[in-house]
Amino acid sequence: MTLIKIRNAGAEDVRLISALAITTCYEAYFELDPPHDLADYCFNFLSPEKTRIEFENPDSTFIIAEIEGKAVGFAKLREGKSVDCVAHLNAIEVQRVYVLEKMKGRDIGRRLIDESAVIGRERGYELLWLGVWDKNFAAQRFYERIGMRRLGTTDFSDGKNEFLNFVYAMNL
């Protein structure tokens, strides 16, 4: 059995998080998105510069999953953001849960969600929520398998296109 370590990210991890974000985003969506739009999104929203700005935001928390000292995924929690279907609830968002395609099926995503839930509970939140693209069926199955339920929908923009996201949540 492979030991998965989850740790808090530090400022020295910004470039690592950016590399993981770009790689995993492209892996997840290259078959579904126009390639130039996807590349533009990755470099406009997941670059080291953007990641550093997000990292320095006090409402953001990044955690990294490692196996044998190698980073294989990360999650980003964001406080202070809401969508209509959770606006009335005491909720924290998992804005990103990204795992390298090669490492999927090893419980890494579940561990990142579990640690996100621990952080949310420690900060006094009652609900953990996230948005997932309506065409990302594998992610939807995963979230349902780990006990999250679909609460509603929200919009997502990559800067050029508008997409529909399903909002999934779990009680903390």
C-alpha atoms as a PDB file:
ATOM      1  CA  MET A   1       0.000   0.000   0.000  1.00  0.00           C
ATOM      2  CA  THR A   2       1.324   3.399  -0.996  1.00  0.00           C
ATOM      3  CA  LEU A   3       1.523   6.028   1.715  1.00  0.00           C
ATOM      4  CA  ILE A   4      -0.104   9.314   0.706  1.00  0.00           C
ATOM      5  CA  LYS A   5       1.085  12.345   2.636  1.00  0.00           C
ATOM      6  CA  ILE A   6      -1.003  15.520   2.665  1.00  0.00           C
ATOM      7  CA  ARG A   7       0.787  18.683   3.693  1.00  0.00           C
ATOM      8  CA  ASN A   8       0.129  22.421   3.766  1.00  0.00           C
ATOM      9  CA  ALA A   9       1.747  24.258   0.880  1.00  0.00           C
ATOM     10  CA  GLY A  10       4.315  26.957   1.509  1.00  0.00           C
ATOM     11  CA  ALA A  11       5.425  29.907  -0.599  1.00  0.00           C
ATOM     12  CA  GLU A  12       8.219  27.740  -2.013  1.00  0.00           C
ATOM     13  CA  ASP A  13       5.521  25.483  -3.556  1.00  0.00           C
ATOM     14  CA  VAL A  14       3.908  28.100  -5.818  1.00  0.00           C
ATOM     15  CA  ARG A  15       5.703  26.972  -9.013  1.00  0.00           C
ATOM     16  CA  LEU A  16       5.053  23.323  -8.135  1.00  0.00           C
ATOM     17  CA  ILE A  17       1.327  24.015  -7.659  1.00  0.00           C
ATOM     18  CA  SER A  18       1.227  25.921 -10.954  1.00  0.00           C
ATOM     19  CA  ALA A  19       2.924  23.036 -12.792  1.00  0.00           C
ATOM     20  CA  LEU A  20       0.486  20.528 -11.265  1.00  0.00           C
ATOM     21  CA  ALA A  21      -2.474  22.780 -12.070  1.00  0.00           C
ATOM     22  CA  ILE A  22      -1.543  23.267 -15.716  1.00  0.00           C
ATOM     23  CA  THR A  23      -0.694  19.598 -16.237  1.00  0.00           C
ATOM     24  CA  THR A  24      -3.789  18.190 -14.564  1.00  0.00           C
ATOM     25  CA  CYS A  25      -6.154  20.744 -16.102  1.00  0.00           C
ATOM     26  CA  TYR A  26      -4.899  19.979 -19.590  1.00  0.00           C
ATOM     27  CA  GLU A  27      -5.050  16.215 -18.919  1.00  0.00           C
ATOM     28  CA  ALA A  28      -8.635  16.501 -17.699  1.00  0.00           C
ATOM     29  CA  TYR A  29     -10.044  18.653 -20.484  1.00  0.00           C
ATOM     30  CA  PHE A  30      -7.942  18.238 -23.640  1.00  0.00           C
ATOM     31  CA  GLU A  31     -10.567  16.027 -25.304  1.00  0.00           C
ATOM     32  CA  LEU A  32     -13.449  18.360 -24.513  1.00  0.00           C
ATOM     33  CA  ASP A  33     -12.167  21.918 -24.947  1.00  0.00           C
ATOM     34  CA  PRO A  34     -10.788  23.655 -28.046  1.00  0.00           C
ATOM     35  CA  PRO A  35      -6.992  23.288 -27.588  1.00  0.00           C
ATOM     36  CA  HIS A  36      -6.116  26.982 -27.858  1.00  0.00           C
ATOM     37  CA  ASP A  37      -8.881  27.987 -25.448  1.00  0.00           C
ATOM     38  CA  LEU A  38      -7.668  25.380 -22.949  1.00  0.00           C
ATOM     39  CA  ALA A  39      -4.045  26.455 -23.314  1.00  0.00           C
ATOM     40  CA  ASP A  40      -5.045  30.100 -22.855  1.00  0.00           C
ATOM     41  CA  TYR A  41      -7.025  29.216 -19.723  1.00  0.00           C
ATOM     42  CA  CYS A  42      -4.112  27.248 -18.264  1.00  0.00           C
ATOM     43  CA  PHE A  43      -1.597  30.017 -18.828  1.00  0.00           C
ATOM     44  CA  ASN A  44      -3.933  32.896 -17.929  1.00  0.00           C
ATOM     45  CA  PHE A  45      -5.399  31.408 -14.749  1.00  0.00           C
ATOM     46  CA  LEU A  46      -2.907  28.781 -13.549  1.00  0.00           C
ATOM     47  CA  SER A  47       0.447  30.456 -14.253  1.00  0.00           C
ATOM     48  CA  PRO A  48       3.025  30.829 -11.470  1.00  0.00           C
ATOM     49  CA  GLU A  49       2.187  34.545 -11.276  1.00  0.00           C
ATOM     50  CA  LYS A  50      -1.566  33.922 -10.860  1.00  0.00           C
ATOM     51  CA  THR A  51      -0.894  31.052  -8.452  1.00  0.00           C
ATOM     52  CA  ARG A  52       1.330  33.307  -6.316  1.00  0.00           C
ATOM     53  CA  ILE A  53      -1.432  35.942  -6.157  1.00  0.00           C
ATOM     54  CA  GLU A  54      -3.926  33.259  -5.094  1.00  0.00           C
ATOM     55  CA  PHE A  55      -1.465  31.790  -2.595  1.00  0.00           C
ATOM     56  CA  GLU A  56      -0.910  35.190  -0.987  1.00  0.00           C
ATOM     57  CA  ASN A  57      -4.659  35.790  -0.640  1.00  0.00           C
ATOM     58  CA  PRO A  58      -5.553  35.136   3.031  1.00  0.00           C
ATOM     59  CA  ASP A  59      -8.830  33.514   1.900  1.00  0.00           C
ATOM     60  CA  SER A  60      -6.903  30.773   0.046  1.00  0.00           C
ATOM     61  CA  THR A  61      -5.384  27.593   1.447  1.00  0.00           C
ATOM     62  CA  PHE A  62      -3.407  25.100  -0.622  1.00  0.00           C
ATOM     63  CA  ILE A  63      -2.615  21.523   0.365  1.00  0.00           C
ATOM     64  CA  ILE A  64      -0.390  19.133  -1.558  1.00  0.00           C
ATOM     65  CA  ALA A  65      -0.611  15.339  -1.861  1.00  0.00           C
ATOM     66  CA  GLU A  66       2.680  13.484  -2.073  1.00  0.00           C
ATOM     67  CA  ILE A  67       3.711   9.883  -2.598  1.00  0.00           C
ATOM     68  CA  GLU A  68       7.307   9.049  -1.746  1.00  0.00           C
ATOM     69  CA  GLY A  69       8.168  12.741  -1.688  1.00  0.00           C
ATOM     70  CA  LYS A  70       6.708  13.394  -5.157  1.00  0.00           C
ATOM     71  CA  ALA A  71       3.823  15.835  -5.548  1.00  0.00           C
ATOM     72  CA  VAL A  72       0.904  14.059  -7.241  1.00  0.00           C
ATOM     73  CA  GLY A  73      -1.968  16.471  -6.639  1.00  0.00           C
ATOM     74  CA  PHE A  74      -3.252  19.423  -4.685  1.00  0.00           C
ATOM     75  CA  ALA A  75      -6.400  21.106  -3.465  1.00  0.00           C
ATOM     76  CA  LYS A  76      -7.201  24.766  -3.028  1.00  0.00           C
ATOM     77  CA  LEU A  77      -9.759  25.929  -0.479  1.00  0.00           C
ATOM     78  CA  ARG A  78     -11.299  29.352  -0.811  1.00  0.00           C
ATOM     79  CA  GLU A  79     -13.161  31.217   1.901  1.00  0.00           C
ATOM     80  CA  GLY A  80     -15.620  34.023   1.267  1.00  0.00           C
ATOM     81  CA  LYS A  81     -16.935  32.711  -2.071  1.00  0.00           C
ATOM     82  CA  SER A  82     -20.470  31.474  -2.500  1.00  0.00           C
ATOM     83  CA  VAL A  83     -23.028  30.498  -5.083  1.00  0.00           C
ATOM     84  CA  ASP A  84     -26.804  30.761  -4.831  1.00  0.00           C
ATOM     85  CA  CYS A  85     -27.486  27.202  -3.688  1.00  0.00           C
ATOM     86  CA  VAL A  86     -25.114  27.475  -0.696  1.00  0.00           C
ATOM     87  CA  ALA A  87     -25.263  31.237  -0.038  1.00  0.00           C
ATOM     88  CA  HIS A  88     -27.440  30.780   3.041  1.00  0.00           C
ATOM     89  CA  LEU A  89     -25.116  28.135   4.530  1.00  0.00           C
ATOM     90  CA  ASN A  90     -21.891  28.356   6.548  1.00  0.00           C
ATOM     91  CA  ALA A  91     -19.764  26.887   3.760  1.00  0.00           C
ATOM     92  CA  ILE A  92     -16.186  26.736   2.484  1.00  0.00           C
ATOM     93  CA  GLU A  93     -15.335  26.028  -1.156  1.00  0.00           C
ATOM     94  CA  VAL A  94     -12.855  23.529  -2.526  1.00  0.00           C
ATOM     95  CA  GLN A  95     -12.041  25.536  -5.628  1.00  0.00           C
ATOM     96  CA  ARG A  96      -9.643  22.966  -7.077  1.00  0.00           C
ATOM     97  CA  VAL A  97      -8.930  19.288  -6.550  1.00  0.00           C
ATOM     98  CA  TYR A  98      -6.335  18.275  -9.122  1.00  0.00           C
ATOM     99  CA  VAL A  99      -4.619  14.873  -9.298  1.00  0.00           C
ATOM    100  CA  LEU A 100      -2.217  13.701 -11.985  1.00  0.00           C
ATOM    101  CA  GLU A 101      -4.029  11.391 -14.412  1.00  0.00           C
ATOM    102  CA  LYS A 102      -1.377   8.690 -13.949  1.00  0.00           C
ATOM    103  CA  MET A 103      -2.075   8.678 -10.196  1.00  0.00           C
ATOM    104  CA  LYS A 104      -5.872   8.513 -10.263  1.00  0.00           C
ATOM    105  CA  GLY A 105      -7.496   5.529  -8.595  1.00  0.00           C
ATOM    106  CA  ARG A 106      -5.084   5.591  -5.641  1.00  0.00           C
ATOM    107  CA  ASP A 107      -7.362   7.424  -3.183  1.00  0.00           C
ATOM    108  CA  ILE A 108      -5.477  10.727  -3.576  1.00  0.00           C
ATOM    109  CA  GLY A 109      -8.568  12.767  -4.436  1.00  0.00           C
ATOM    110  CA  ARG A 110     -10.433  11.333  -1.471  1.00  0.00           C
ATOM    111  CA  ARG A 111      -7.555  12.152   0.853  1.00  0.00           C
ATOM    112  CA  LEU A 112      -7.444  15.737  -0.450  1.00  0.00           C
ATOM    113  CA  ILE A 113     -11.204  16.091   0.123  1.00  0.00           C
ATOM    114  CA  ASP A 114     -10.911  14.512   3.580  1.00  0.00           C
ATOM    115  CA  GLU A 115      -8.152  16.948   4.567  1.00  0.00           C
ATOM    116  CA  SER A 116     -10.165  19.839   3.112  1.00  0.00           C
ATOM    117  CA  ALA A 117     -13.062  18.763   5.333  1.00  0.00           C
ATOM    118  CA  VAL A 118     -10.785  18.713   8.387  1.00  0.00           C
ATOM    119  CA  ILE A 119      -9.596  22.243   7.595  1.00  0.00           C
ATOM    120  CA  GLY A 120     -13.180  23.404   7.046  1.00  0.00           C
ATOM    121  CA  ARG A 121     -14.340  21.946  10.371  1.00  0.00           C
ATOM    122  CA  GLU A 122     -11.357  23.479  12.207  1.00  0.00           C
ATOM    123  CA  ARG A 123     -12.350  26.876  10.815  1.00  0.00           C
ATOM    124  CA  GLY A 124     -15.941  26.499  11.961  1.00  0.00           C
ATOM    125  CA  TYR A 125     -17.623  25.736   8.638  1.00  0.00           C
ATOM    126  CA  GLU A 126     -20.569  23.356   8.395  1.00  0.00           C
ATOM    127  CA  LEU A 127     -20.471  22.557   4.668  1.00  0.00           C
ATOM    128  CA  LEU A 128     -17.782  21.838   2.077  1.00  0.00           C
ATOM    129  CA  TRP A 129     -18.782  22.613  -1.516  1.00  0.00           C
ATOM    130  CA  LEU A 130     -17.292  22.617  -4.993  1.00  0.00           C
ATOM    131  CA  GLY A 131     -18.273  23.133  -8.603  1.00  0.00           C
ATOM    132  CA  VAL A 132     -17.681  20.495 -11.275  1.00  0.00           C
ATOM    133  CA  TRP A 133     -18.237  20.879 -14.998  1.00  0.00           C
ATOM    134  CA  ASP A 134     -21.481  19.243 -16.129  1.00  0.00           C
ATOM    135  CA  LYS A 135     -19.514  17.258 -18.750  1.00  0.00           C
ATOM    136  CA  ASN A 136     -16.900  15.933 -16.306  1.00  0.00           C
ATOM    137  CA  PHE A 137     -18.732  12.694 -15.601  1.00  0.00           C
ATOM    138  CA  ALA A 138     -15.783  10.930 -13.946  1.00  0.00           C
ATOM    139  CA  ALA A 139     -15.440  13.699 -11.356  1.00  0.00           C
ATOM    140  CA  GLN A 140     -19.196  13.692 -10.720  1.00  0.00           C
ATOM    141  CA  ARG A 141     -19.130   9.917 -10.099  1.00  0.00           C
ATOM    142  CA  PHE A 142     -16.150  10.350  -7.778  1.00  0.00           C
ATOM    143  CA  TYR A 143     -17.844  13.065  -5.702  1.00  0.00           C
ATOM    144  CA  GLU A 144     -21.030  11.020  -5.431  1.00  0.00           C
ATOM    145  CA  ARG A 145     -19.032   7.914  -4.462  1.00  0.00           C
ATOM    146  CA  ILE A 146     -17.395   9.767  -1.549  1.00  0.00           C
ATOM    147  CA  GLY A 147     -20.747  10.971  -0.244  1.00  0.00           C
ATOM    148  CA  MET A 148     -21.150  14.416  -1.759  1.00  0.00           C
ATOM    149  CA  ARG A 149     -24.569  15.401  -3.061  1.00  0.00           C
ATOM    150  CA  ARG A 150     -25.535  17.700  -5.887  1.00  0.00           C
ATOM    151  CA  LEU A 151     -27.224  20.872  -4.614  1.00  0.00           C
ATOM    152  CA  GLY A 152     -27.573  23.018  -7.694  1.00  0.00           C
ATOM    153  CA  THR A 153     -25.744  24.677 -10.543  1.00  0.00           C
ATOM    154  CA  THR A 154     -23.525  27.669 -11.184  1.00  0.00           C
ATOM    155  CA  ASP A 155     -21.800  29.232 -14.170  1.00  0.00           C
ATOM    156  CA  PHE A 156     -18.077  29.096 -14.917  1.00  0.00           C
ATOM    157  CA  SER A 157     -16.095  31.118 -17.434  1.00  0.00           C
ATOM    158  CA  ASP A 158     -12.665  30.311 -18.835  1.00  0.00           C
ATOM    159  CA  GLY A 159     -12.385  33.872 -20.078  1.00  0.00           C
ATOM    160  CA  LYS A 160     -13.761  32.994 -23.519  1.00  0.00           C
ATOM    161  CA  ASN A 161     -16.545  30.465 -22.990  1.00  0.00           C
ATOM    162  CA  GLU A 162     -19.314  29.966 -20.458  1.00  0.00           C
ATOM    163  CA  PHE A 163     -19.867  26.548 -18.894  1.00  0.00           C
ATOM    164  CA  LEU A 164     -22.387  24.985 -16.546  1.00  0.00           C
ATOM    165  CA  ASN A 165     -21.032  23.569 -13.289  1.00  0.00           C
ATOM    166  CA  PHE A 166     -22.885  21.315 -10.888  1.00  0.00           C
ATOM    167  CA  VAL A 167     -22.453  22.247  -7.239  1.00  0.00           C
ATOM    168  CA  TYR A 168     -21.627  19.298  -4.985  1.00  0.00           C
ATOM    169  CA  ALA A 169     -21.450  19.495  -1.185  1.00  0.00           C
ATOM    170  CA  MET A 170     -21.012  17.514   1.997  1.00  0.00           C
ATOM    171  CA  ASN A 171     -21.751  18.297   5.617  1.00  0.00           C
ATOM    172  CA  LEU A 172     -18.753  18.745   7.864  1.00  0.00           C
END
